[in-house]
C-alpha atoms as a PDB file:
ATOM      1  CA  MET A   1      -0.306   0.318   0.248  1.00  0.00           C
ATOM      2  CA  PRO A   2       2.978   2.267   0.655  1.00  0.00           C
ATOM      3  CA  GLU A   3       4.354   1.925  -2.882  1.00  0.00           C
ATOM      4  CA  LEU A   4       1.259   3.342  -4.616  1.00  0.00           C
ATOM      5  CA  VAL A   5       0.972   6.101  -2.109  1.00  0.00           C
ATOM      6  CA  LEU A   6       4.079   8.277  -4.000  1.00  0.00           C
ATOM      7  CA  PRO A   7       3.268   7.262  -7.476  1.00  0.00           C
ATOM      8  CA  THR A   8      -0.701   8.943  -7.100  1.00  0.00           C
ATOM      9  CA  CYS A   9       0.289  11.617  -5.453  1.00  0.00           C
ATOM     10  CA  GLN A  10       3.206  12.517  -7.894  1.00  0.00           C
ATOM     11  CA  ILE A  11       0.226  12.061 -10.360  1.00  0.00           C
ATOM     12  CA  ALA A  12      -2.002  13.884  -8.747  1.00  0.00           C
ATOM     13  CA  ALA A  13      -0.092  16.377  -8.616  1.00  0.00           C
ATOM     14  CA  THR A  14       1.328  16.576 -11.951  1.00  0.00           C
ATOM     15  CA  LEU A  15      -2.236  16.542 -13.027  1.00  0.00           C
ATOM     16  CA  ALA A  16      -3.411  19.445 -10.611  1.00  0.00           C
ATOM     17  CA  LEU A  17      -0.035  21.726 -12.085  1.00  0.00           C
ATOM     18  CA  THR A  18      -0.749  20.651 -15.599  1.00  0.00           C
ATOM     19  CA  LEU A  19      -4.349  21.715 -15.805  1.00  0.00           C
ATOM     20  CA  TRP A  20      -3.685  25.135 -13.398  1.00  0.00           C
ATOM     21  CA  MET A  21      -1.296  25.911 -16.578  1.00  0.00           C
ATOM     22  CA  ILE A  22      -3.731  25.026 -18.889  1.00  0.00           C
ATOM     23  CA  SER A  23      -6.760  27.864 -17.234  1.00  0.00           C
ATOM     24  CA  ALA A  24      -4.178  30.275 -16.823  1.00  0.00           C
ATOM     25  CA  PHE A  25      -3.638  30.669 -20.474  1.00  0.00           C
ATOM     26  CA  THR A  26      -6.916  30.583 -21.325  1.00  0.00           C
ATOM     27  CA  THR A  27      -9.414  34.271 -21.491  1.00  0.00           C
ATOM     28  CA  ARG A  28     -11.255  35.659 -19.703  1.00  0.00           C
ATOM     29  CA  PRO A  29     -13.667  38.828 -20.385  1.00  0.00           C
ATOM     30  CA  GLY A  30     -11.782  41.971 -20.652  1.00  0.00           C
ATOM     31  CA  ARG A  31      -8.968  39.987 -20.008  1.00  0.00           C
ATOM     32  CA  TRP A  32      -6.012  38.762 -22.122  1.00  0.00           C
ATOM     33  CA  LEU A  33      -3.780  36.256 -21.733  1.00  0.00           C
ATOM     34  CA  ARG A  34      -4.000  36.496 -17.730  1.00  0.00           C
ATOM     35  CA  TRP A  35      -0.972  34.393 -16.954  1.00  0.00           C
ATOM     36  CA  LYS A  36       1.414  36.771 -15.076  1.00  0.00           C
ATOM     37  CA  MET A  37       3.616  37.652 -17.693  1.00  0.00           C
ATOM     38  CA  PHE A  38       1.518  39.177 -20.030  1.00  0.00           C
ATOM     39  CA  CYS A  39      -0.907  40.679 -17.527  1.00  0.00           C
ATOM     40  CA  ARG A  40       0.995  44.361 -17.828  1.00  0.00           C
ATOM     41  CA  ALA A  41       1.893  43.780 -20.935  1.00  0.00           C
ATOM     42  CA  THR A  42       0.415  46.019 -24.306  1.00  0.00           C
ATOM     43  CA  PHE A  43       1.024  44.405 -27.742  1.00  0.00           C
ATOM     44  CA  THR A  44      -0.076  46.793 -30.768  1.00  0.00           C
ATOM     45  CA  VAL A  45      -1.383  45.857 -33.628  1.00  0.00           C
ATOM     46  CA  VAL A  46      -1.369  47.875 -36.659  1.00  0.00           C
ATOM     47  CA  SER A  47      -1.084  48.048 -40.317  1.00  0.00           C
ATOM     48  CA  LEU A  48       0.526  51.728 -41.704  1.00  0.00           C
ATOM     49  CA  SER A  49       0.803  53.262 -45.106  1.00  0.00           C
ATOM     50  CA  GLY A  50       3.190  56.042 -44.962  1.00  0.00           C
ATOM     51  CA  THR A  51       2.979  58.852 -47.781  1.00  0.00           C
ATOM     52  CA  THR A  52       6.064  59.882 -48.926  1.00  0.00           C
ATOM     53  CA  LYS A  53       7.349  63.532 -49.690  1.00  0.00           C
ATOM     54  CA  ASP A  54       6.602  62.751 -54.196  1.00  0.00           C
ATOM     55  CA  GLY A  55       3.102  61.620 -52.989  1.00  0.00           C
ATOM     56  CA  ARG A  56       4.092  57.186 -53.256  1.00  0.00           C
ATOM     57  CA  ILE A  57       2.127  55.038 -50.647  1.00  0.00           C
ATOM     58  CA  GLU A  58       4.169  52.532 -49.351  1.00  0.00           C
ATOM     59  CA  LEU A  59       3.267  50.260 -46.653  1.00  0.00           C
ATOM     60  CA  VAL A  60       5.011  50.782 -43.230  1.00  0.00           C
ATOM     61  CA  ASN A  61       6.416  47.917 -41.323  1.00  0.00           C
ATOM     62  CA  VAL A  62       6.838  50.199 -37.405  1.00  0.00           C
ATOM     63  CA  TYR A  63       8.259  46.623 -36.070  1.00  0.00           C
ATOM     64  CA  ASP A  64      11.944  47.010 -38.325  1.00  0.00           C
ATOM     65  CA  TYR A  65      12.334  49.652 -36.290  1.00  0.00           C
ATOM     66  CA  LEU A  66      11.996  48.350 -32.587  1.00  0.00           C
ATOM     67  CA  SER A  67      15.107  46.547 -31.154  1.00  0.00           C
ATOM     68  CA  PRO A  68      16.076  43.261 -32.172  1.00  0.00           C
ATOM     69  CA  GLY A  69      14.159  40.623 -30.290  1.00  0.00           C
ATOM     70  CA  SER A  70      11.063  43.089 -28.997  1.00  0.00           C
ATOM     71  CA  PHE A  71       7.901  42.730 -29.809  1.00  0.00           C
ATOM     72  CA  ILE A  72       5.753  44.317 -27.115  1.00  0.00           C
ATOM     73  CA  LEU A  73       5.160  47.788 -28.663  1.00  0.00           C
ATOM     74  CA  GLY A  74       2.200  49.822 -27.147  1.00  0.00           C
ATOM     75  CA  PRO A  75       0.737  53.479 -27.682  1.00  0.00           C
ATOM     76  CA  PRO A  76       4.167  55.675 -26.323  1.00  0.00           C
ATOM     77  CA  GLN A  77       7.396  53.620 -28.464  1.00  0.00           C
ATOM     78  CA  LEU A  78       4.352  53.652 -31.324  1.00  0.00           C
ATOM     79  CA  GLN A  79       4.216  57.170 -31.721  1.00  0.00           C
ATOM     80  CA  THR A  80       7.916  57.903 -31.090  1.00  0.00           C
ATOM     81  CA  ILE A  81       8.586  55.340 -34.191  1.00  0.00           C
ATOM     82  CA  LEU A  82       5.727  58.039 -35.926  1.00  0.00           C
ATOM     83  CA  ASP A  83       7.471  60.623 -35.100  1.00  0.00           C
ATOM     84  CA  HIS A  84      11.498  59.462 -36.584  1.00  0.00           C
ATOM     85  CA  LEU A  85       9.774  58.368 -39.379  1.00  0.00           C
ATOM     86  CA  ILE A  86       8.528  62.055 -40.190  1.00  0.00           C
ATOM     87  CA  ARG A  87      10.942  63.772 -38.401  1.00  0.00           C
ATOM     88  CA  SER A  88      13.461  61.848 -40.478  1.00  0.00           C
ATOM     89  CA  GLY A  89      11.613  62.369 -44.292  1.00  0.00           C
ATOM     90  CA  HIS A  90      11.329  59.246 -44.592  1.00  0.00           C
ATOM     91  CA  TYR A  91       7.790  59.881 -44.579  1.00  0.00           C
ATOM     92  CA  GLU A  92       5.561  63.217 -44.678  1.00  0.00           C
ATOM     93  CA  ARG A  93       2.663  61.511 -43.873  1.00  0.00           C
ATOM     94  CA  ILE A  94       1.783  58.209 -41.677  1.00  0.00           C
ATOM     95  CA  ASP A  95      -2.296  56.659 -41.369  1.00  0.00           C
ATOM     96  CA  GLY A  96      -3.947  53.403 -40.811  1.00  0.00           C
ATOM     97  CA  ASN A  97      -5.692  51.342 -37.779  1.00  0.00           C
ATOM     98  CA  GLY A  98      -5.587  48.312 -35.690  1.00  0.00           C
ATOM     99  CA  ARG A  99      -6.181  47.199 -32.062  1.00  0.00           C
ATOM    100  CA  ILE A 100      -3.940  47.340 -28.818  1.00  0.00           C
ATOM    101  CA  LEU A 101      -4.453  43.949 -26.537  1.00  0.00           C
ATOM    102  CA  SER A 102      -4.102  44.558 -22.798  1.00  0.00           C
ATOM    103  CA  HIS A 103      -5.049  43.815 -19.599  1.00  0.00           C
ATOM    104  CA  ARG A 104      -8.285  45.406 -20.103  1.00  0.00           C
ATOM    105  CA  GLY A 105      -9.032  43.903 -22.977  1.00  0.00           C
ATOM    106  CA  GLU A 106      -8.734  44.799 -26.721  1.00  0.00           C
ATOM    107  CA  GLN A 107      -9.229  47.964 -28.102  1.00  0.00           C
ATOM    108  CA  PRO A 108      -9.045  49.768 -31.390  1.00  0.00           C
ATOM    109  CA  VAL A 109      -6.605  52.437 -32.472  1.00  0.00           C
ATOM    110  CA  GLU A 110      -5.952  54.547 -34.986  1.00  0.00           C
ATOM    111  CA  VAL A 111      -3.305  56.064 -37.071  1.00  0.00           C
ATOM    112  CA  ARG A 112      -3.811  60.010 -38.546  1.00  0.00           C
ATOM    113  CA  HIS A 113      -1.770  62.226 -39.533  1.00  0.00           C
ATOM    114  CA  GLY A 114       1.107  60.934 -37.594  1.00  0.00           C
ATOM    115  CA  ARG A 115      -0.838  60.761 -34.297  1.00  0.00           C
ATOM    116  CA  VAL A 116      -2.209  57.980 -32.471  1.00  0.00           C
ATOM    117  CA  VAL A 117      -5.619  58.079 -31.441  1.00  0.00           C
ATOM    118  CA  LEU A 118      -7.291  55.965 -28.848  1.00  0.00           C
END
């Protein structure tokens, strides 16, 4: 009988831990990735087009301007990148739309004339 207690406890603990980990990755209403590592992160998914000085319209990938390995892009960081692209002369204006994923859920975001509008 004592030989069965340890494997039974190990199986029960493993199952409990597995269920807890699976439930930690599920979403609740108003929450996105409620696991503690992600609960304070803000992710921005946005499609942008930039107008050059000669009138051409190009797609803008803001993730090209993040440091290597970075993927978390909040509205302040997005605004900083947009300001850099306009000030440096890459684009005369940048417009687009997308969404922000954070602990408050999903929210729409727009970029008008190089300004982030929530």
